[in-house]
Amino acid sequence: CCPFVCVGFLQVLWFPATHFTVFLCSRFAGLSSCFCREFLFVNMKLSWTDAERFCKEMIDPYHLFSIQNLKEMNNIVKLAKYFVPMILWIGLFSDSWKWSDLEVSSFLNWRLGQPDNTLLYEQCAVVDLMLIDSGSWEDQLCNALSCSSHQSF
């Protein structure tokens, strides 16, 4: 039995030349009989696929962040806004919309009208931190690199 609740650890990889982009890697790390979620914010301009690859190729593999509930979502939104108030890749992708780390969650936070697959190949998800309903999700092109509020990083 775990004697305490672990909120998680946070590391930041900051690359000043690309400060408009962020994604969040996460993994579970064991501490005795407890498991904690470790987070890694990275502000590199990468597509969803390259961001997931970046997370997985670290010495201790991570994945793009999976969101399990509203409390977790709200905490991440607050944290992400502290670093860069933009758009954040998350680990959700369209293979029947599942998480890249294979976590199972019934929690969904799509913005009204999303996912809409407007451009026919929008198969990756972002958290939009700039909209009024900040923290809601949108489907985006997985290879998008644009800096506008309606495209991904």
C-alpha atoms as a PDB file:
ATOM      1  CA  CYS A   1       0.000   0.000   0.000  1.00  0.00           C
ATOM      2  CA  CYS A   2       1.314   3.431  -0.902  1.00  0.00           C
ATOM      3  CA  PRO A   3       1.787   5.691   2.162  1.00  0.00           C
ATOM      4  CA  PHE A   4       1.425   8.935   0.176  1.00  0.00           C
ATOM      5  CA  VAL A   5      -0.032  10.362  -2.991  1.00  0.00           C
ATOM      6  CA  CYS A   6       2.508  11.371  -5.582  1.00  0.00           C
ATOM      7  CA  VAL A   7       1.495  14.242  -7.829  1.00  0.00           C
ATOM      8  CA  GLY A   8       4.518  13.932 -10.086  1.00  0.00           C
ATOM      9  CA  PHE A   9       7.843  15.439 -10.972  1.00  0.00           C
ATOM     10  CA  LEU A  10       8.414  18.095 -13.578  1.00  0.00           C
ATOM     11  CA  GLN A  11      11.424  18.697 -15.771  1.00  0.00           C
ATOM     12  CA  VAL A  12      11.685  21.310 -18.479  1.00  0.00           C
ATOM     13  CA  LEU A  13      13.735  21.224 -21.665  1.00  0.00           C
ATOM     14  CA  TRP A  14      13.882  24.790 -22.944  1.00  0.00           C
ATOM     15  CA  PHE A  15      15.081  25.716 -26.412  1.00  0.00           C
ATOM     16  CA  PRO A  16      14.822  29.545 -26.708  1.00  0.00           C
ATOM     17  CA  ALA A  17      14.831  29.642 -30.513  1.00  0.00           C
ATOM     18  CA  THR A  18      11.550  27.712 -30.656  1.00  0.00           C
ATOM     19  CA  HIS A  19       9.719  29.101 -27.637  1.00  0.00           C
ATOM     20  CA  PHE A  20       6.272  29.088 -29.294  1.00  0.00           C
ATOM     21  CA  THR A  21       5.930  25.311 -29.205  1.00  0.00           C
ATOM     22  CA  VAL A  22       5.437  22.836 -26.408  1.00  0.00           C
ATOM     23  CA  PHE A  23       4.593  19.233 -25.909  1.00  0.00           C
ATOM     24  CA  LEU A  24       4.415  17.193 -22.774  1.00  0.00           C
ATOM     25  CA  CYS A  25       6.037  13.807 -22.274  1.00  0.00           C
ATOM     26  CA  SER A  26       5.041  11.635 -19.337  1.00  0.00           C
ATOM     27  CA  ARG A  27       5.829   8.260 -17.822  1.00  0.00           C
ATOM     28  CA  PHE A  28       5.106   6.314 -14.695  1.00  0.00           C
ATOM     29  CA  ALA A  29       8.051   5.932 -12.337  1.00  0.00           C
ATOM     30  CA  GLY A  30       8.109   3.584  -9.380  1.00  0.00           C
ATOM     31  CA  LEU A  31       8.959   4.827  -5.913  1.00  0.00           C
ATOM     32  CA  SER A  32       9.008   1.806  -3.585  1.00  0.00           C
ATOM     33  CA  SER A  33       5.429   0.520  -3.770  1.00  0.00           C
ATOM     34  CA  CYS A  34       4.103   3.760  -5.298  1.00  0.00           C
ATOM     35  CA  PHE A  35       3.906   4.967  -8.846  1.00  0.00           C
ATOM     36  CA  CYS A  36       4.258   8.592  -9.778  1.00  0.00           C
ATOM     37  CA  ARG A  37       3.716  10.357 -13.047  1.00  0.00           C
ATOM     38  CA  GLU A  38       6.786  12.243 -14.237  1.00  0.00           C
ATOM     39  CA  PHE A  39       6.306  15.086 -16.711  1.00  0.00           C
ATOM     40  CA  LEU A  40       8.685  16.657 -19.159  1.00  0.00           C
ATOM     41  CA  PHE A  41       7.730  19.901 -20.930  1.00  0.00           C
ATOM     42  CA  VAL A  42       9.599  20.401 -24.190  1.00  0.00           C
ATOM     43  CA  ASN A  43       9.322  23.492 -26.377  1.00  0.00           C
ATOM     44  CA  MET A  44      10.637  22.162 -29.669  1.00  0.00           C
ATOM     45  CA  LYS A  45       8.839  22.717 -32.965  1.00  0.00           C
ATOM     46  CA  LEU A  46       7.980  19.116 -33.848  1.00  0.00           C
ATOM     47  CA  SER A  47       5.084  17.331 -35.491  1.00  0.00           C
ATOM     48  CA  TRP A  48       2.986  14.975 -33.345  1.00  0.00           C
ATOM     49  CA  THR A  49       4.853  11.960 -34.730  1.00  0.00           C
ATOM     50  CA  ASP A  50       8.272  13.521 -34.106  1.00  0.00           C
ATOM     51  CA  ALA A  51       7.247  14.689 -30.622  1.00  0.00           C
ATOM     52  CA  GLU A  52       6.128  11.141 -29.712  1.00  0.00           C
ATOM     53  CA  ARG A  53       9.392   9.793 -31.134  1.00  0.00           C
ATOM     54  CA  PHE A  54      11.371  12.366 -29.107  1.00  0.00           C
ATOM     55  CA  CYS A  55       9.633  11.215 -25.914  1.00  0.00           C
ATOM     56  CA  LYS A  56      10.162   7.515 -26.681  1.00  0.00           C
ATOM     57  CA  GLU A  57      13.857   7.891 -27.576  1.00  0.00           C
ATOM     58  CA  MET A  58      14.896   9.300 -24.211  1.00  0.00           C
ATOM     59  CA  ILE A  59      17.097   7.156 -21.961  1.00  0.00           C
ATOM     60  CA  ASP A  60      14.069   6.415 -19.783  1.00  0.00           C
ATOM     61  CA  PRO A  61      11.269   6.272 -22.365  1.00  0.00           C
ATOM     62  CA  TYR A  62       8.326   8.615 -22.091  1.00  0.00           C
ATOM     63  CA  HIS A  63       5.229   9.067 -24.290  1.00  0.00           C
ATOM     64  CA  LEU A  64       3.185  12.092 -25.152  1.00  0.00           C
ATOM     65  CA  PHE A  65       0.958  12.864 -22.202  1.00  0.00           C
ATOM     66  CA  SER A  66      -2.294  10.941 -21.701  1.00  0.00           C
ATOM     67  CA  ILE A  67      -5.058  12.621 -19.708  1.00  0.00           C
ATOM     68  CA  GLN A  68      -7.072  10.460 -17.339  1.00  0.00           C
ATOM     69  CA  ASN A  69      -9.517  12.914 -15.709  1.00  0.00           C
ATOM     70  CA  LEU A  70     -10.609  16.557 -15.414  1.00  0.00           C
ATOM     71  CA  LYS A  71      -8.415  17.281 -12.382  1.00  0.00           C
ATOM     72  CA  GLU A  72      -5.329  16.094 -14.250  1.00  0.00           C
ATOM     73  CA  MET A  73      -6.392  18.155 -17.284  1.00  0.00           C
ATOM     74  CA  ASN A  74      -6.832  21.325 -15.214  1.00  0.00           C
ATOM     75  CA  ASN A  75      -3.453  20.889 -13.502  1.00  0.00           C
ATOM     76  CA  ILE A  76      -1.683  20.461 -16.827  1.00  0.00           C
ATOM     77  CA  VAL A  77      -3.436  23.501 -18.330  1.00  0.00           C
ATOM     78  CA  LYS A  78      -2.318  25.663 -15.385  1.00  0.00           C
ATOM     79  CA  LEU A  79       1.228  24.362 -15.652  1.00  0.00           C
ATOM     80  CA  ALA A  80       1.418  24.717 -19.437  1.00  0.00           C
ATOM     81  CA  LYS A  81       0.167  28.317 -19.344  1.00  0.00           C
ATOM     82  CA  TYR A  82       2.978  29.136 -16.946  1.00  0.00           C
ATOM     83  CA  PHE A  83       5.537  28.093 -19.543  1.00  0.00           C
ATOM     84  CA  VAL A  84       4.008  28.937 -22.917  1.00  0.00           C
ATOM     85  CA  PRO A  85       0.338  29.859 -23.476  1.00  0.00           C
ATOM     86  CA  MET A  86      -0.128  28.165 -26.844  1.00  0.00           C
ATOM     87  CA  ILE A  87      -1.116  24.765 -28.137  1.00  0.00           C
ATOM     88  CA  LEU A  88       0.077  21.547 -26.558  1.00  0.00           C
ATOM     89  CA  TRP A  89       0.348  18.158 -28.292  1.00  0.00           C
ATOM     90  CA  ILE A  90      -1.134  15.322 -26.233  1.00  0.00           C
ATOM     91  CA  GLY A  91      -0.799  11.593 -26.810  1.00  0.00           C
ATOM     92  CA  LEU A  92      -4.270  11.072 -28.260  1.00  0.00           C
ATOM     93  CA  PHE A  93      -4.391   9.951 -31.890  1.00  0.00           C
ATOM     94  CA  SER A  94      -7.032   8.593 -34.210  1.00  0.00           C
ATOM     95  CA  ASP A  95      -6.890   4.883 -34.275  1.00  0.00           C
ATOM     96  CA  SER A  96     -10.364   5.041 -32.777  1.00  0.00           C
ATOM     97  CA  TRP A  97      -8.844   7.881 -30.686  1.00  0.00           C
ATOM     98  CA  LYS A  98      -6.509   6.068 -28.331  1.00  0.00           C
ATOM     99  CA  TRP A  99      -3.517   7.126 -26.231  1.00  0.00           C
ATOM    100  CA  SER A 100       0.050   6.593 -27.467  1.00  0.00           C
ATOM    101  CA  ASP A 101       1.086   5.151 -24.075  1.00  0.00           C
ATOM    102  CA  LEU A 102      -1.795   2.618 -24.335  1.00  0.00           C
ATOM    103  CA  GLU A 103      -3.420   3.977 -21.155  1.00  0.00           C
ATOM    104  CA  VAL A 104      -7.158   3.439 -21.083  1.00  0.00           C
ATOM    105  CA  SER A 105      -9.352   6.407 -20.198  1.00  0.00           C
ATOM    106  CA  SER A 106     -12.987   7.272 -20.736  1.00  0.00           C
ATOM    107  CA  PHE A 107     -12.246  10.966 -20.096  1.00  0.00           C
ATOM    108  CA  LEU A 108     -12.770  13.195 -23.153  1.00  0.00           C
ATOM    109  CA  ASN A 109     -12.533  16.976 -23.354  1.00  0.00           C
ATOM    110  CA  TRP A 110     -13.224  17.809 -27.017  1.00  0.00           C
ATOM    111  CA  ARG A 111     -14.128  21.398 -27.858  1.00  0.00           C
ATOM    112  CA  LEU A 112     -17.682  21.754 -29.216  1.00  0.00           C
ATOM    113  CA  GLY A 113     -17.740  20.424 -32.790  1.00  0.00           C
ATOM    114  CA  GLN A 114     -14.499  18.471 -32.379  1.00  0.00           C
ATOM    115  CA  PRO A 115     -13.116  16.167 -33.588  1.00  0.00           C
ATOM    116  CA  ASP A 116     -14.199  17.383 -37.017  1.00  0.00           C
ATOM    117  CA  ASN A 117     -11.448  16.132 -39.354  1.00  0.00           C
ATOM    118  CA  THR A 118     -11.821  19.353 -41.373  1.00  0.00           C
ATOM    119  CA  LEU A 119      -8.709  18.741 -43.462  1.00  0.00           C
ATOM    120  CA  LEU A 120      -9.498  14.994 -43.868  1.00  0.00           C
ATOM    121  CA  TYR A 121      -6.294  13.847 -42.139  1.00  0.00           C
ATOM    122  CA  GLU A 122      -6.648  15.420 -38.684  1.00  0.00           C
ATOM    123  CA  GLN A 123      -5.729  12.383 -36.623  1.00  0.00           C
ATOM    124  CA  CYS A 124      -3.779  13.838 -33.691  1.00  0.00           C
ATOM    125  CA  ALA A 125      -5.012  15.857 -30.718  1.00  0.00           C
ATOM    126  CA  VAL A 126      -3.925  19.127 -29.146  1.00  0.00           C
ATOM    127  CA  VAL A 127      -4.943  21.074 -26.075  1.00  0.00           C
ATOM    128  CA  ASP A 128      -5.652  24.649 -27.134  1.00  0.00           C
ATOM    129  CA  LEU A 129      -4.542  26.980 -24.337  1.00  0.00           C
ATOM    130  CA  MET A 130      -5.540  30.195 -26.137  1.00  0.00           C
ATOM    131  CA  LEU A 131      -9.307  29.745 -26.483  1.00  0.00           C
ATOM    132  CA  ILE A 132     -11.932  30.861 -23.970  1.00  0.00           C
ATOM    133  CA  ASP A 133     -12.663  27.208 -23.209  1.00  0.00           C
ATOM    134  CA  SER A 134      -8.952  26.731 -22.574  1.00  0.00           C
ATOM    135  CA  GLY A 135      -7.943  23.144 -22.115  1.00  0.00           C
ATOM    136  CA  SER A 136     -10.385  21.780 -24.640  1.00  0.00           C
ATOM    137  CA  TRP A 137      -9.081  19.471 -27.321  1.00  0.00           C
ATOM    138  CA  GLU A 138      -9.005  19.741 -31.099  1.00  0.00           C
ATOM    139  CA  ASP A 139      -8.045  17.280 -33.802  1.00  0.00           C
ATOM    140  CA  GLN A 140      -5.158  18.499 -35.956  1.00  0.00           C
ATOM    141  CA  LEU A 141      -2.890  17.335 -38.736  1.00  0.00           C
ATOM    142  CA  CYS A 142      -0.208  15.122 -37.210  1.00  0.00           C
ATOM    143  CA  ASN A 143       2.536  16.754 -39.276  1.00  0.00           C
ATOM    144  CA  ALA A 144       1.476  20.364 -38.564  1.00  0.00           C
ATOM    145  CA  LEU A 145       4.166  22.815 -37.475  1.00  0.00           C
ATOM    146  CA  SER A 146       2.402  26.158 -37.903  1.00  0.00           C
ATOM    147  CA  CYS A 147       2.172  28.712 -35.101  1.00  0.00           C
ATOM    148  CA  SER A 148      -1.458  29.772 -35.571  1.00  0.00           C
ATOM    149  CA  SER A 149      -4.094  28.973 -32.966  1.00  0.00           C
ATOM    150  CA  HIS A 150      -5.835  26.530 -35.284  1.00  0.00           C
ATOM    151  CA  GLN A 151      -2.805  24.447 -36.154  1.00  0.00           C
ATOM    152  CA  SER A 152      -0.492  22.329 -34.061  1.00  0.00           C
ATOM    153  CA  PHE A 153       3.086  22.296 -33.041  1.00  0.00           C
END
